[in-house]
Amino acid sequence: QPPDPGTIWSKRTTLQTTARLYDPLGFLSPYIVRARLESQEYWRHKLEWDTPLPADLLPRWSDWVVELSQLPQITVPRCLRALNSKKEKSVELHAFADASELAYAVSIYMVVKYEDGEVTSTLLAAKARVCPIQHVTIPRLELKAALLACEYVTHLNKALNLGQVQIFYWTDSRNVLSWINSNKGLDKYVANRVRKIRN
């Protein structure tokens, strides 16, 4: 249900609007993360809960609200396998992790290969989180994304009861790959997350 046109936008009403979006598999992550970034700005500006948004913050939020009406147009195919009874050769999960100065995210695809050579690829789930207000370096954010990928894939694999599947994790961060393959010289922040990834 779209917001009332007469809504006075404040920190409280923006959070209420965002909370109404039910997106358990993260297909709306690119859209919802924008609202969460706006929310961070309200905290940076130390706005009170019911203080109307200042003029410099209102336009971005207004644009986001306008796009709410377009969400019903988004469709996502939910069939993970071919509709016929073709014999499967293998099932793979591919998890892509990435980060920026604003947010870090994961997208997970299920790839099914059939004996006749056909291959299907379907977006299984996604997740995005805004970066902490306190500064964190990009390599460490990439590491947080890699850990999120491992945790999310483990959860999905159990929930879907996929059984024996090949799992591939993708990151473009050489720092993360180096940390995961290193056994010494890691500070506590990195070492704790590397240990969880290895587990």
C-alpha atoms as a PDB file:
ATOM      1  CA  GLN A   1       0.000   0.000   0.000  1.00  0.00           C
ATOM      2  CA  PRO A   2       1.520   3.363  -1.042  1.00  0.00           C
ATOM      3  CA  PRO A   3       2.123   5.982   1.653  1.00  0.00           C
ATOM      4  CA  ASP A   4      -0.438   8.714   2.219  1.00  0.00           C
ATOM      5  CA  PRO A   5       0.413  11.671  -0.081  1.00  0.00           C
ATOM      6  CA  GLY A   6       0.158  13.964   2.933  1.00  0.00           C
ATOM      7  CA  THR A   7       2.725  12.066   4.972  1.00  0.00           C
ATOM      8  CA  ILE A   8       5.210  14.275   6.796  1.00  0.00           C
ATOM      9  CA  TRP A   9       8.482  12.446   6.363  1.00  0.00           C
ATOM     10  CA  SER A  10      10.599  12.058   9.465  1.00  0.00           C
ATOM     11  CA  LYS A  11      13.041   9.449  10.726  1.00  0.00           C
ATOM     12  CA  ARG A  12      10.108   7.552  12.249  1.00  0.00           C
ATOM     13  CA  THR A  13       7.860   7.538   9.160  1.00  0.00           C
ATOM     14  CA  THR A  14      10.688   6.633   6.774  1.00  0.00           C
ATOM     15  CA  LEU A  15      11.647   3.630   8.928  1.00  0.00           C
ATOM     16  CA  GLN A  16       8.001   2.568   9.195  1.00  0.00           C
ATOM     17  CA  THR A  17       7.689   2.642   5.410  1.00  0.00           C
ATOM     18  CA  THR A  18      10.870   0.638   4.873  1.00  0.00           C
ATOM     19  CA  ALA A  19       9.854  -1.948   7.477  1.00  0.00           C
ATOM     20  CA  ARG A  20       6.672  -2.733   5.534  1.00  0.00           C
ATOM     21  CA  LEU A  21       8.673  -4.239   2.676  1.00  0.00           C
ATOM     22  CA  TYR A  22       8.768  -8.019   3.104  1.00  0.00           C
ATOM     23  CA  ASP A  23      11.718  -9.386   1.167  1.00  0.00           C
ATOM     24  CA  PRO A  24      13.034 -12.583   2.829  1.00  0.00           C
ATOM     25  CA  LEU A  25      15.134 -13.677  -0.169  1.00  0.00           C
ATOM     26  CA  GLY A  26      16.655 -10.275  -0.860  1.00  0.00           C
ATOM     27  CA  PHE A  27      15.410  -9.739  -4.407  1.00  0.00           C
ATOM     28  CA  LEU A  28      14.720  -6.094  -3.555  1.00  0.00           C
ATOM     29  CA  SER A  29      18.111  -5.584  -1.893  1.00  0.00           C
ATOM     30  CA  PRO A  30      19.355  -2.970  -4.408  1.00  0.00           C
ATOM     31  CA  TYR A  31      16.241  -0.933  -3.677  1.00  0.00           C
ATOM     32  CA  ILE A  32      15.965  -1.440   0.080  1.00  0.00           C
ATOM     33  CA  VAL A  33      19.650  -0.738   0.719  1.00  0.00           C
ATOM     34  CA  ARG A  34      19.112   2.774  -0.630  1.00  0.00           C
ATOM     35  CA  ALA A  35      16.518   3.409   2.090  1.00  0.00           C
ATOM     36  CA  ARG A  36      18.912   2.089   4.716  1.00  0.00           C
ATOM     37  CA  LEU A  37      21.635   4.426   3.463  1.00  0.00           C
ATOM     38  CA  GLU A  38      19.199   7.315   3.775  1.00  0.00           C
ATOM     39  CA  SER A  39      18.415   6.203   7.319  1.00  0.00           C
ATOM     40  CA  GLN A  40      22.113   6.352   8.134  1.00  0.00           C
ATOM     41  CA  GLU A  41      22.149   9.954   6.975  1.00  0.00           C
ATOM     42  CA  TYR A  42      19.362  10.785   9.430  1.00  0.00           C
ATOM     43  CA  TRP A  43      21.460   9.357  12.259  1.00  0.00           C
ATOM     44  CA  ARG A  44      24.501  11.322  11.086  1.00  0.00           C
ATOM     45  CA  HIS A  45      22.405  14.488  11.126  1.00  0.00           C
ATOM     46  CA  LYS A  46      21.208  13.509  14.636  1.00  0.00           C
ATOM     47  CA  LEU A  47      17.584  14.046  13.670  1.00  0.00           C
ATOM     48  CA  GLU A  48      14.914  13.497  16.293  1.00  0.00           C
ATOM     49  CA  TRP A  49      12.371  10.779  15.554  1.00  0.00           C
ATOM     50  CA  ASP A  50       9.569  13.135  14.541  1.00  0.00           C
ATOM     51  CA  THR A  51      11.559  16.052  13.103  1.00  0.00           C
ATOM     52  CA  PRO A  52      10.626  16.606   9.425  1.00  0.00           C
ATOM     53  CA  LEU A  53      13.426  15.751   7.002  1.00  0.00           C
ATOM     54  CA  PRO A  54      15.543  18.773   6.076  1.00  0.00           C
ATOM     55  CA  ALA A  55      15.351  20.148   2.541  1.00  0.00           C
ATOM     56  CA  ASP A  56      18.710  18.658   1.485  1.00  0.00           C
ATOM     57  CA  LEU A  57      17.634  15.093   2.408  1.00  0.00           C
ATOM     58  CA  LEU A  58      13.998  15.114   1.323  1.00  0.00           C
ATOM     59  CA  PRO A  59      14.443  14.876  -2.515  1.00  0.00           C
ATOM     60  CA  ARG A  60      16.337  11.557  -2.407  1.00  0.00           C
ATOM     61  CA  TRP A  61      13.747  10.042  -0.105  1.00  0.00           C
ATOM     62  CA  SER A  62      10.901  11.383  -2.246  1.00  0.00           C
ATOM     63  CA  ASP A  63      12.432   9.713  -5.316  1.00  0.00           C
ATOM     64  CA  TRP A  64      12.621   6.425  -3.399  1.00  0.00           C
ATOM     65  CA  VAL A  65       8.948   6.681  -2.378  1.00  0.00           C
ATOM     66  CA  VAL A  66       7.874   7.338  -5.984  1.00  0.00           C
ATOM     67  CA  GLU A  67       9.570   4.094  -7.024  1.00  0.00           C
ATOM     68  CA  LEU A  68       7.530   2.125  -4.451  1.00  0.00           C
ATOM     69  CA  SER A  69       4.635   2.037  -6.902  1.00  0.00           C
ATOM     70  CA  GLN A  70       6.842   0.257  -9.446  1.00  0.00           C
ATOM     71  CA  LEU A  71       7.706  -2.708  -7.198  1.00  0.00           C
ATOM     72  CA  PRO A  72       4.655  -4.811  -8.235  1.00  0.00           C
ATOM     73  CA  GLN A  73       6.071  -4.805 -11.776  1.00  0.00           C
ATOM     74  CA  ILE A  74       9.118  -6.794 -10.654  1.00  0.00           C
ATOM     75  CA  THR A  75       8.821 -10.505 -11.370  1.00  0.00           C
ATOM     76  CA  VAL A  76      11.299 -13.189 -10.385  1.00  0.00           C
ATOM     77  CA  PRO A  77      11.255 -16.713 -11.872  1.00  0.00           C
ATOM     78  CA  ARG A  78      11.016 -19.166  -8.983  1.00  0.00           C
ATOM     79  CA  CYS A  79      11.496 -22.436 -10.869  1.00  0.00           C
ATOM     80  CA  LEU A  80      14.972 -23.628  -9.897  1.00  0.00           C
ATOM     81  CA  ARG A  81      15.062 -26.616 -12.238  1.00  0.00           C
ATOM     82  CA  ALA A  82      13.814 -27.443 -15.722  1.00  0.00           C
ATOM     83  CA  LEU A  83      10.057 -28.049 -15.819  1.00  0.00           C
ATOM     84  CA  ASN A  84      10.414 -31.414 -17.528  1.00  0.00           C
ATOM     85  CA  SER A  85      11.946 -34.532 -16.003  1.00  0.00           C
ATOM     86  CA  LYS A  86      15.359 -34.262 -17.646  1.00  0.00           C
ATOM     87  CA  LYS A  87      18.169 -36.006 -15.821  1.00  0.00           C
ATOM     88  CA  GLU A  88      20.478 -33.707 -13.897  1.00  0.00           C
ATOM     89  CA  LYS A  89      24.221 -34.013 -14.250  1.00  0.00           C
ATOM     90  CA  SER A  90      25.198 -31.637 -11.439  1.00  0.00           C
ATOM     91  CA  VAL A  91      23.897 -28.866  -9.199  1.00  0.00           C
ATOM     92  CA  GLU A  92      26.096 -25.929  -8.205  1.00  0.00           C
ATOM     93  CA  LEU A  93      25.734 -22.905  -5.963  1.00  0.00           C
ATOM     94  CA  HIS A  94      27.698 -19.790  -6.915  1.00  0.00           C
ATOM     95  CA  ALA A  95      27.991 -17.041  -4.315  1.00  0.00           C
ATOM     96  CA  PHE A  96      29.282 -13.629  -5.398  1.00  0.00           C
ATOM     97  CA  ALA A  97      30.512 -11.248  -2.685  1.00  0.00           C
ATOM     98  CA  ASP A  98      31.450  -7.604  -3.156  1.00  0.00           C
ATOM     99  CA  ALA A  99      31.726  -4.359  -1.215  1.00  0.00           C
ATOM    100  CA  SER A 100      31.944  -0.609  -1.679  1.00  0.00           C
ATOM    101  CA  GLU A 101      32.322   2.367   0.632  1.00  0.00           C
ATOM    102  CA  LEU A 102      28.538   2.413   1.118  1.00  0.00           C
ATOM    103  CA  ALA A 103      27.437  -1.220   1.328  1.00  0.00           C
ATOM    104  CA  TYR A 104      28.460  -4.843   0.927  1.00  0.00           C
ATOM    105  CA  ALA A 105      26.375  -7.572  -0.635  1.00  0.00           C
ATOM    106  CA  VAL A 106      26.047 -11.176  -1.718  1.00  0.00           C
ATOM    107  CA  SER A 107      24.100 -12.778  -4.555  1.00  0.00           C
ATOM    108  CA  ILE A 108      23.691 -16.549  -4.802  1.00  0.00           C
ATOM    109  CA  TYR A 109      22.837 -18.446  -7.959  1.00  0.00           C
ATOM    110  CA  MET A 110      21.807 -22.061  -8.450  1.00  0.00           C
ATOM    111  CA  VAL A 111      23.244 -23.601 -11.614  1.00  0.00           C
ATOM    112  CA  VAL A 112      21.852 -26.927 -12.833  1.00  0.00           C
ATOM    113  CA  LYS A 113      23.617 -28.865 -15.596  1.00  0.00           C
ATOM    114  CA  TYR A 114      21.687 -31.562 -17.444  1.00  0.00           C
ATOM    115  CA  GLU A 115      22.945 -34.616 -19.293  1.00  0.00           C
ATOM    116  CA  ASP A 116      21.667 -33.269 -22.614  1.00  0.00           C
ATOM    117  CA  GLY A 117      23.960 -30.239 -22.263  1.00  0.00           C
ATOM    118  CA  GLU A 118      21.369 -27.688 -21.132  1.00  0.00           C
ATOM    119  CA  VAL A 119      22.366 -25.392 -18.270  1.00  0.00           C
ATOM    120  CA  THR A 120      19.983 -23.283 -16.188  1.00  0.00           C
ATOM    121  CA  SER A 121      21.021 -20.473 -13.837  1.00  0.00           C
ATOM    122  CA  THR A 122      18.617 -18.910 -11.349  1.00  0.00           C
ATOM    123  CA  LEU A 123      19.072 -16.205  -8.749  1.00  0.00           C
ATOM    124  CA  LEU A 124      18.434 -18.051  -5.504  1.00  0.00           C
ATOM    125  CA  ALA A 125      18.787 -15.246  -2.969  1.00  0.00           C
ATOM    126  CA  ALA A 126      20.636 -12.029  -2.208  1.00  0.00           C
ATOM    127  CA  LYS A 127      21.512  -9.928   0.789  1.00  0.00           C
ATOM    128  CA  ALA A 128      22.873  -6.403   1.192  1.00  0.00           C
ATOM    129  CA  ARG A 129      24.003  -4.507   4.263  1.00  0.00           C
ATOM    130  CA  VAL A 130      25.044  -0.907   4.697  1.00  0.00           C
ATOM    131  CA  CYS A 131      28.565  -0.243   5.924  1.00  0.00           C
ATOM    132  CA  PRO A 132      29.007   0.853   9.541  1.00  0.00           C
ATOM    133  CA  ILE A 133      28.991   4.574  10.213  1.00  0.00           C
ATOM    134  CA  GLN A 134      32.466   4.187  11.693  1.00  0.00           C
ATOM    135  CA  HIS A 135      35.031   3.957   8.879  1.00  0.00           C
ATOM    136  CA  VAL A 136      35.994   0.454   7.756  1.00  0.00           C
ATOM    137  CA  THR A 137      38.521  -0.109   4.966  1.00  0.00           C
ATOM    138  CA  ILE A 138      37.367  -1.608   1.669  1.00  0.00           C
ATOM    139  CA  PRO A 139      39.458  -4.808   2.118  1.00  0.00           C
ATOM    140  CA  ARG A 140      37.815  -5.431   5.493  1.00  0.00           C
ATOM    141  CA  LEU A 141      34.375  -4.791   4.013  1.00  0.00           C
ATOM    142  CA  GLU A 142      35.215  -7.276   1.255  1.00  0.00           C
ATOM    143  CA  LEU A 143      36.089  -9.756   4.001  1.00  0.00           C
ATOM    144  CA  LYS A 144      32.741  -9.122   5.717  1.00  0.00           C
ATOM    145  CA  ALA A 145      31.018  -9.768   2.386  1.00  0.00           C
ATOM    146  CA  ALA A 146      32.930 -13.038   1.951  1.00  0.00           C
ATOM    147  CA  LEU A 147      31.886 -14.177   5.421  1.00  0.00           C
ATOM    148  CA  LEU A 148      28.270 -13.209   4.719  1.00  0.00           C
ATOM    149  CA  ALA A 149      28.418 -15.333   1.548  1.00  0.00           C
ATOM    150  CA  CYS A 150      29.649 -18.372   3.485  1.00  0.00           C
ATOM    151  CA  GLU A 151      27.017 -18.014   6.190  1.00  0.00           C
ATOM    152  CA  TYR A 152      24.160 -17.408   3.753  1.00  0.00           C
ATOM    153  CA  VAL A 153      25.051 -20.317   1.465  1.00  0.00           C
ATOM    154  CA  THR A 154      25.255 -22.660   4.463  1.00  0.00           C
ATOM    155  CA  HIS A 155      21.801 -21.510   5.586  1.00  0.00           C
ATOM    156  CA  LEU A 156      20.228 -21.870   2.129  1.00  0.00           C
ATOM    157  CA  ASN A 157      21.787 -25.263   1.498  1.00  0.00           C
ATOM    158  CA  LYS A 158      20.273 -26.601   4.725  1.00  0.00           C
ATOM    159  CA  ALA A 159      16.899 -24.916   4.192  1.00  0.00           C
ATOM    160  CA  LEU A 160      16.516 -26.262   0.650  1.00  0.00           C
ATOM    161  CA  ASN A 161      17.963 -29.684   1.521  1.00  0.00           C
ATOM    162  CA  LEU A 162      19.960 -29.710  -1.718  1.00  0.00           C
ATOM    163  CA  GLY A 163      22.207 -32.558  -0.645  1.00  0.00           C
ATOM    164  CA  GLN A 164      25.449 -32.984  -2.537  1.00  0.00           C
ATOM    165  CA  VAL A 165      26.110 -29.781  -4.426  1.00  0.00           C
ATOM    166  CA  GLN A 166      29.277 -28.073  -5.553  1.00  0.00           C
ATOM    167  CA  ILE A 167      29.691 -24.648  -3.983  1.00  0.00           C
ATOM    168  CA  PHE A 168      31.773 -21.859  -5.502  1.00  0.00           C
ATOM    169  CA  TYR A 169      32.572 -18.575  -3.751  1.00  0.00           C
ATOM    170  CA  TRP A 170      33.610 -15.576  -5.823  1.00  0.00           C
ATOM    171  CA  THR A 171      35.400 -12.400  -4.734  1.00  0.00           C
ATOM    172  CA  ASP A 172      37.530  -9.946  -6.693  1.00  0.00           C
ATOM    173  CA  SER A 173      39.509  -8.989  -3.589  1.00  0.00           C
ATOM    174  CA  ARG A 174      43.104 -10.210  -3.608  1.00  0.00           C
ATOM    175  CA  ASN A 175      43.363  -9.134   0.039  1.00  0.00           C
ATOM    176  CA  VAL A 176      40.576 -11.494   1.054  1.00  0.00           C
ATOM    177  CA  LEU A 177      42.055 -14.396  -0.898  1.00  0.00           C
ATOM    178  CA  SER A 178      45.461 -13.743   0.638  1.00  0.00           C
ATOM    179  CA  TRP A 179      44.036 -13.590   4.177  1.00  0.00           C
ATOM    180  CA  ILE A 180      42.088 -16.829   3.730  1.00  0.00           C
ATOM    181  CA  ASN A 181      45.227 -18.627   2.530  1.00  0.00           C
ATOM    182  CA  SER A 182      47.488 -17.137   5.208  1.00  0.00           C
ATOM    183  CA  ASN A 183      48.267 -18.800   8.527  1.00  0.00           C
ATOM    184  CA  LYS A 184      50.114 -15.995  10.251  1.00  0.00           C
ATOM    185  CA  GLY A 185      50.404 -12.243  10.580  1.00  0.00           C
ATOM    186  CA  LEU A 186      46.642 -11.571  10.730  1.00  0.00           C
ATOM    187  CA  ASP A 187      45.275  -9.026  13.171  1.00  0.00           C
ATOM    188  CA  LYS A 188      42.402 -10.040  15.436  1.00  0.00           C
ATOM    189  CA  TYR A 189      39.645  -8.477  13.294  1.00  0.00           C
ATOM    190  CA  VAL A 190      40.778 -10.322  10.173  1.00  0.00           C
ATOM    191  CA  ALA A 191      41.762 -13.546  11.933  1.00  0.00           C
ATOM    192  CA  ASN A 192      38.334 -13.987  13.551  1.00  0.00           C
ATOM    193  CA  ARG A 193      36.502 -13.667  10.234  1.00  0.00           C
ATOM    194  CA  VAL A 194      38.988 -15.836   8.352  1.00  0.00           C
ATOM    195  CA  ARG A 195      38.497 -18.578  10.945  1.00  0.00           C
ATOM    196  CA  LYS A 196      34.725 -18.452  10.475  1.00  0.00           C
ATOM    197  CA  ILE A 197      35.101 -18.574   6.672  1.00  0.00           C
ATOM    198  CA  ARG A 198      37.361 -21.614   6.906  1.00  0.00           C
ATOM    199  CA  ASN A 199      34.951 -23.351   9.261  1.00  0.00           C
END
